[in-house]
N, C-alpha and C. Protein backbone atom coordinates (compact mmCIF):
# COMPACT_ATOMS: atom_id res chain seq x y z
N MET A 1 19.03 -9.42 17.78
CA MET A 1 19.23 -8.47 16.71
C MET A 1 20.64 -8.59 16.13
N LYS A 2 21.63 -8.87 16.97
CA LYS A 2 23.01 -8.87 16.50
C LYS A 2 23.24 -9.92 15.41
N ILE A 3 22.54 -11.01 15.45
CA ILE A 3 22.69 -12.05 14.43
C ILE A 3 22.12 -11.58 13.09
N ALA A 4 21.10 -10.75 13.15
CA ALA A 4 20.41 -10.32 11.94
C ALA A 4 21.03 -9.09 11.27
N ILE A 5 22.09 -8.54 11.83
CA ILE A 5 22.66 -7.30 11.29
C ILE A 5 23.03 -7.40 9.82
N PRO A 6 23.75 -8.43 9.36
CA PRO A 6 24.07 -8.47 7.92
C PRO A 6 22.82 -8.51 7.03
N ASP A 7 21.81 -9.26 7.45
CA ASP A 7 20.57 -9.32 6.67
C ASP A 7 19.83 -7.98 6.69
N MET A 8 19.88 -7.28 7.82
CA MET A 8 19.22 -5.98 7.91
C MET A 8 19.88 -4.96 7.00
N VAL A 9 21.20 -4.98 6.94
CA VAL A 9 21.92 -4.06 6.05
C VAL A 9 21.51 -4.30 4.61
N THR A 10 21.42 -5.55 4.23
CA THR A 10 21.06 -5.91 2.86
C THR A 10 19.59 -5.59 2.56
N SER A 11 18.70 -6.05 3.41
CA SER A 11 17.27 -5.89 3.11
C SER A 11 16.79 -4.45 3.24
N LEU A 12 17.38 -3.67 4.14
CA LEU A 12 16.98 -2.28 4.29
C LEU A 12 17.74 -1.35 3.35
N ASN A 13 18.72 -1.91 2.64
CA ASN A 13 19.53 -1.14 1.71
C ASN A 13 20.11 0.10 2.40
N THR A 14 20.81 -0.15 3.50
CA THR A 14 21.33 0.93 4.32
C THR A 14 22.76 0.63 4.75
N SER A 15 23.34 1.52 5.53
CA SER A 15 24.71 1.33 5.98
C SER A 15 24.74 0.58 7.31
N LEU A 16 25.89 0.03 7.61
CA LEU A 16 26.07 -0.68 8.87
C LEU A 16 25.89 0.27 10.05
N ASP A 17 26.34 1.51 9.91
CA ASP A 17 26.21 2.49 10.99
C ASP A 17 24.75 2.73 11.37
N GLN A 18 23.89 2.86 10.38
CA GLN A 18 22.47 3.10 10.66
C GLN A 18 21.84 1.91 11.38
N VAL A 19 22.20 0.73 10.97
CA VAL A 19 21.65 -0.46 11.62
C VAL A 19 22.16 -0.57 13.05
N LEU A 20 23.43 -0.29 13.27
CA LEU A 20 23.96 -0.35 14.63
C LEU A 20 23.35 0.72 15.53
N TRP A 21 23.10 1.91 14.98
CA TRP A 21 22.46 2.95 15.77
C TRP A 21 21.04 2.56 16.17
N SER A 22 20.37 1.80 15.34
CA SER A 22 18.99 1.42 15.68
C SER A 22 18.95 0.57 16.95
N GLY A 23 19.97 -0.20 17.21
CA GLY A 23 20.04 -0.96 18.46
C GLY A 23 20.63 -0.16 19.60
N ASN A 24 21.62 0.66 19.30
CA ASN A 24 22.29 1.42 20.35
C ASN A 24 21.42 2.52 20.93
N VAL A 25 20.55 3.09 20.13
CA VAL A 25 19.72 4.19 20.63
C VAL A 25 18.79 3.70 21.74
N TYR A 26 18.28 2.49 21.64
CA TYR A 26 17.44 1.91 22.70
C TYR A 26 18.25 1.76 23.98
N THR A 27 19.48 1.29 23.85
CA THR A 27 20.34 1.09 25.00
C THR A 27 20.70 2.42 25.66
N LEU A 28 20.73 3.49 24.91
CA LEU A 28 21.01 4.81 25.48
C LEU A 28 19.78 5.45 26.11
N VAL A 29 18.64 5.36 25.45
CA VAL A 29 17.43 6.05 25.90
C VAL A 29 16.82 5.37 27.13
N TYR A 30 16.80 4.06 27.14
CA TYR A 30 16.15 3.32 28.23
C TYR A 30 16.68 3.70 29.61
N PRO A 31 17.98 3.61 29.88
CA PRO A 31 18.43 4.00 31.22
C PRO A 31 18.42 5.51 31.46
N ALA A 32 18.54 6.29 30.39
CA ALA A 32 18.58 7.74 30.55
C ALA A 32 17.27 8.29 31.10
N PHE A 33 16.17 7.64 30.84
CA PHE A 33 14.87 8.15 31.26
C PHE A 33 14.24 7.36 32.41
N GLN A 34 15.03 6.53 33.07
CA GLN A 34 14.51 5.79 34.22
C GLN A 34 14.07 6.73 35.35
N LEU A 35 14.90 7.70 35.70
CA LEU A 35 14.56 8.61 36.80
C LEU A 35 13.36 9.49 36.46
N LEU A 36 13.35 10.01 35.25
CA LEU A 36 12.21 10.83 34.82
C LEU A 36 10.92 10.01 34.85
N ALA A 37 10.98 8.79 34.35
CA ALA A 37 9.79 7.94 34.34
C ALA A 37 9.33 7.63 35.76
N GLY A 38 10.27 7.42 36.67
CA GLY A 38 9.90 7.19 38.07
C GLY A 38 9.19 8.39 38.66
N ARG A 39 9.66 9.57 38.33
CA ARG A 39 9.01 10.79 38.80
C ARG A 39 7.62 10.95 38.19
N LEU A 40 7.47 10.55 36.94
CA LEU A 40 6.15 10.60 36.30
C LEU A 40 5.18 9.65 36.98
N VAL A 41 5.66 8.49 37.41
CA VAL A 41 4.80 7.53 38.11
C VAL A 41 4.29 8.16 39.40
N ILE A 42 5.17 8.83 40.12
CA ILE A 42 4.77 9.45 41.38
C ILE A 42 3.81 10.61 41.12
N GLY A 43 4.06 11.38 40.05
CA GLY A 43 3.23 12.54 39.76
C GLY A 43 1.88 12.23 39.13
N PHE A 44 1.86 11.28 38.20
CA PHE A 44 0.63 11.01 37.44
C PHE A 44 -0.05 9.69 37.81
N GLY A 45 0.59 8.90 38.63
CA GLY A 45 0.01 7.63 39.03
C GLY A 45 0.50 6.48 38.16
N PRO A 46 0.64 5.31 38.77
CA PRO A 46 1.20 4.18 38.03
C PRO A 46 0.32 3.69 36.88
N ARG A 47 -0.97 3.76 37.05
CA ARG A 47 -1.84 3.27 35.97
C ARG A 47 -1.70 4.11 34.71
N ASN A 48 -1.71 5.43 34.86
CA ASN A 48 -1.59 6.31 33.70
C ASN A 48 -0.26 6.15 33.00
N VAL A 49 0.82 6.08 33.77
CA VAL A 49 2.14 5.92 33.17
C VAL A 49 2.28 4.55 32.51
N PHE A 50 1.69 3.52 33.12
CA PHE A 50 1.74 2.19 32.52
C PHE A 50 1.01 2.17 31.18
N ILE A 51 -0.16 2.77 31.11
CA ILE A 51 -0.93 2.79 29.87
C ILE A 51 -0.17 3.54 28.77
N VAL A 52 0.39 4.70 29.11
CA VAL A 52 1.15 5.48 28.12
C VAL A 52 2.41 4.73 27.70
N GLY A 53 3.12 4.14 28.67
CA GLY A 53 4.34 3.38 28.35
C GLY A 53 4.05 2.18 27.47
N LEU A 54 2.99 1.46 27.78
CA LEU A 54 2.62 0.30 26.98
C LEU A 54 2.20 0.71 25.57
N ALA A 55 1.45 1.80 25.48
CA ALA A 55 1.04 2.29 24.16
C ALA A 55 2.25 2.74 23.34
N LEU A 56 3.16 3.48 23.96
CA LEU A 56 4.37 3.91 23.24
C LEU A 56 5.18 2.72 22.75
N PHE A 57 5.39 1.76 23.63
CA PHE A 57 6.20 0.60 23.27
C PHE A 57 5.53 -0.22 22.17
N THR A 58 4.23 -0.42 22.28
CA THR A 58 3.51 -1.22 21.29
C THR A 58 3.46 -0.53 19.93
N LEU A 59 3.14 0.75 19.92
CA LEU A 59 3.07 1.49 18.65
C LEU A 59 4.45 1.59 17.99
N ALA A 60 5.48 1.82 18.79
CA ALA A 60 6.84 1.90 18.24
C ALA A 60 7.28 0.54 17.70
N SER A 61 6.91 -0.53 18.37
CA SER A 61 7.24 -1.87 17.88
C SER A 61 6.57 -2.15 16.55
N THR A 62 5.31 -1.76 16.44
CA THR A 62 4.59 -1.93 15.18
C THR A 62 5.20 -1.09 14.07
N ALA A 63 5.56 0.14 14.41
CA ALA A 63 6.17 1.03 13.41
C ALA A 63 7.54 0.51 12.97
N CYS A 64 8.27 -0.15 13.86
CA CYS A 64 9.57 -0.72 13.48
C CYS A 64 9.41 -1.76 12.37
N GLY A 65 8.28 -2.43 12.37
CA GLY A 65 8.05 -3.46 11.36
C GLY A 65 7.88 -2.91 9.96
N VAL A 66 7.50 -1.66 9.83
CA VAL A 66 7.28 -1.08 8.51
C VAL A 66 8.22 0.09 8.20
N ALA A 67 9.13 0.38 9.13
CA ALA A 67 9.99 1.56 8.99
C ALA A 67 11.23 1.27 8.17
N GLY A 68 11.75 2.31 7.58
CA GLY A 68 13.06 2.25 6.95
C GLY A 68 14.13 2.45 8.01
N ALA A 69 15.37 2.57 7.59
CA ALA A 69 16.48 2.64 8.54
C ALA A 69 16.42 3.87 9.43
N GLU A 70 16.19 5.06 8.85
CA GLU A 70 16.16 6.27 9.65
C GLU A 70 14.97 6.28 10.60
N GLN A 71 13.84 5.85 10.13
CA GLN A 71 12.66 5.82 10.98
C GLN A 71 12.81 4.77 12.08
N MET A 72 13.51 3.68 11.79
CA MET A 72 13.69 2.64 12.78
C MET A 72 14.51 3.15 13.96
N ILE A 73 15.48 4.01 13.70
CA ILE A 73 16.28 4.57 14.79
C ILE A 73 15.37 5.37 15.73
N VAL A 74 14.49 6.17 15.17
CA VAL A 74 13.57 6.97 15.98
C VAL A 74 12.61 6.06 16.74
N MET A 75 12.10 5.03 16.09
CA MET A 75 11.14 4.14 16.75
C MET A 75 11.79 3.35 17.88
N TRP A 76 13.05 2.99 17.74
CA TRP A 76 13.75 2.30 18.83
C TRP A 76 13.93 3.25 20.01
N ALA A 77 14.13 4.54 19.75
CA ALA A 77 14.21 5.52 20.84
C ALA A 77 12.86 5.62 21.56
N VAL A 78 11.78 5.63 20.80
CA VAL A 78 10.44 5.68 21.40
C VAL A 78 10.19 4.41 22.22
N GLN A 79 10.65 3.26 21.73
CA GLN A 79 10.55 2.03 22.50
C GLN A 79 11.29 2.16 23.82
N GLY A 80 12.44 2.80 23.79
CA GLY A 80 13.20 3.02 25.02
C GLY A 80 12.43 3.85 26.03
N PHE A 81 11.74 4.91 25.55
CA PHE A 81 10.89 5.71 26.43
C PHE A 81 9.79 4.85 27.05
N GLY A 82 9.11 4.07 26.21
CA GLY A 82 8.03 3.22 26.70
C GLY A 82 8.52 2.18 27.69
N ALA A 83 9.65 1.56 27.40
CA ALA A 83 10.19 0.56 28.31
C ALA A 83 10.61 1.18 29.63
N ALA A 84 11.16 2.38 29.60
CA ALA A 84 11.53 3.07 30.84
C ALA A 84 10.29 3.34 31.68
N ALA A 85 9.21 3.74 31.04
CA ALA A 85 7.97 4.00 31.77
C ALA A 85 7.42 2.71 32.39
N LEU A 86 7.44 1.62 31.63
CA LEU A 86 6.95 0.35 32.16
C LEU A 86 7.80 -0.13 33.33
N ASN A 87 9.10 -0.02 33.20
CA ASN A 87 9.99 -0.45 34.28
C ASN A 87 9.83 0.44 35.51
N ALA A 88 9.62 1.72 35.32
CA ALA A 88 9.44 2.62 36.46
C ALA A 88 8.18 2.29 37.24
N VAL A 89 7.12 1.89 36.56
CA VAL A 89 5.89 1.50 37.25
C VAL A 89 6.16 0.32 38.16
N VAL A 90 6.89 -0.65 37.65
CA VAL A 90 7.22 -1.83 38.45
C VAL A 90 8.15 -1.46 39.61
N SER A 91 9.15 -0.64 39.34
CA SER A 91 10.12 -0.26 40.37
C SER A 91 9.49 0.54 41.49
N VAL A 92 8.71 1.55 41.13
CA VAL A 92 8.05 2.37 42.15
C VAL A 92 7.01 1.55 42.89
N GLY A 93 6.32 0.68 42.18
CA GLY A 93 5.33 -0.18 42.84
C GLY A 93 5.97 -1.12 43.83
N ALA A 94 7.14 -1.64 43.51
CA ALA A 94 7.82 -2.56 44.42
C ALA A 94 8.39 -1.83 45.63
N ALA A 95 8.86 -0.60 45.41
CA ALA A 95 9.48 0.16 46.50
C ALA A 95 8.45 0.91 47.33
N GLY A 96 7.29 1.17 46.76
CA GLY A 96 6.27 1.94 47.44
C GLY A 96 6.44 3.42 47.14
N SER A 97 5.37 4.15 47.25
CA SER A 97 5.41 5.58 47.00
C SER A 97 6.05 6.30 48.18
N PRO A 98 6.72 7.41 47.91
CA PRO A 98 7.29 8.18 49.02
C PRO A 98 6.18 8.70 49.93
N GLY A 99 6.41 8.63 51.19
CA GLY A 99 5.43 9.12 52.15
C GLY A 99 4.34 8.12 52.46
N ALA A 100 4.40 6.93 51.88
CA ALA A 100 3.35 5.94 52.13
C ALA A 100 3.67 5.10 53.33
């Protein structure tokens, strides 16, 4: 993404700040929700959390393709939620469930 920043500013007709936030918001949301997503895996089961995480990530990725600058920031945050859920499924699965 960093290579494409000048082209994104031009093609989206937006400011550099908005384009930079679209990448930074993913970096902030993804680790912030790792613990919550891990707890969701334990509470709702890995399959359910994986399906929801994959759906969130896929739908947000598709929406990023058609979004403007402001909407892209929100969609990157949703991608961060989905990625956190997917990673939590793998992490909890590798570590095992508590009490198992």
